[in-house]
């Protein structure tokens, strides 16, 4: 049997750079770091929280709240 004389051409694969990472959430104006907090609630409560404003709404309420006297 004779060789069919097939010829292959190698084509280099594109060397695509991975997309650049975005810088993420900007820091708070006061420079204070935030920490994640998990809170358990019903789905209805979660929906209501989103309508009220989500995490920013909660943070605002905490800042306005007065601590109870001992």
Protein backbone atom coordinates (compact mmCIF):
# COMPACT_ATOMS: atom_id res chain seq x y z
CA UNK A 1 0.00 0.00 0.00
CA UNK A 2 1.23 3.44 -0.86
CA UNK A 3 0.87 6.56 1.22
CA UNK A 4 -1.86 8.87 0.01
CA UNK A 5 0.47 11.82 0.48
CA UNK A 6 -1.69 13.64 3.03
CA UNK A 7 -0.20 16.83 4.29
CA UNK A 8 -1.09 18.48 7.56
CA UNK A 9 -0.70 22.15 8.36
CA UNK A 10 -0.44 23.11 12.00
CA UNK A 11 -2.31 26.27 12.87
CA UNK A 12 -1.29 27.84 16.16
CA UNK A 13 -4.13 28.39 18.59
CA UNK A 14 -4.93 31.95 19.49
CA UNK A 15 -3.34 33.01 22.75
CA UNK A 16 -6.24 34.95 24.15
CA UNK A 17 -5.58 36.83 27.35
CA UNK A 18 -8.04 36.24 30.20
CA UNK A 19 -10.36 39.20 30.83
CA UNK A 20 -9.07 41.75 33.30
CA UNK A 21 -10.59 41.56 36.76
CA UNK A 22 -12.77 44.47 37.75
CA UNK A 23 -11.70 46.36 40.87
CA UNK A 24 -14.84 45.33 42.78
CA UNK A 25 -16.97 47.34 45.15
CA UNK A 26 -15.47 50.73 46.01
CA UNK A 27 -14.46 51.26 49.65
CA UNK A 28 -16.78 53.04 52.03
CA UNK A 29 -16.30 56.79 52.29
CA UNK A 30 -15.33 56.54 55.96
CA UNK A 31 -12.71 53.89 55.15
CA UNK A 32 -14.25 51.38 57.55
CA UNK A 33 -14.26 47.77 56.35
CA UNK A 34 -17.51 45.82 56.14
CA UNK A 35 -18.12 42.20 57.15
CA UNK A 36 -20.74 39.80 55.79
CA UNK A 37 -23.62 38.94 58.13
CA UNK A 38 -26.08 36.10 57.55
CA UNK A 39 -29.66 36.52 58.73
CA UNK A 40 -32.31 33.82 58.46
CA UNK A 41 -35.77 34.93 57.36
CA UNK A 42 -38.76 33.68 55.44
CA UNK A 43 -39.01 34.18 51.69
CA UNK A 44 -41.75 36.75 52.26
CA UNK A 45 -39.53 38.70 54.63
CA UNK A 46 -36.67 38.56 52.13
CA UNK A 47 -38.94 39.88 49.39
CA UNK A 48 -40.11 42.70 51.64
CA UNK A 49 -36.52 43.54 52.57
CA UNK A 50 -35.63 43.89 48.89
CA UNK A 51 -38.61 46.19 48.32
CA UNK A 52 -37.60 48.32 51.32
CA UNK A 53 -34.06 48.76 50.00
CA UNK A 54 -32.01 45.70 50.91
CA UNK A 55 -28.71 45.98 52.73
CA UNK A 56 -28.41 49.78 52.43
CA UNK A 57 -31.83 50.11 54.10
CA UNK A 58 -30.73 47.84 56.96
CA UNK A 59 -27.45 49.73 57.44
CA UNK A 60 -29.32 53.06 57.54
CA UNK A 61 -31.74 51.75 60.18
CA UNK A 62 -28.88 50.44 62.32
CA UNK A 63 -27.08 53.80 62.15
CA UNK A 64 -30.26 55.66 63.20
CA UNK A 65 -31.16 53.24 66.02
CA UNK A 66 -30.35 54.14 69.63
CA UNK A 67 -28.87 51.46 71.86
CA UNK A 68 -31.05 50.41 74.80
CA UNK A 69 -30.05 51.67 78.24
CA UNK A 70 -28.70 49.04 80.58
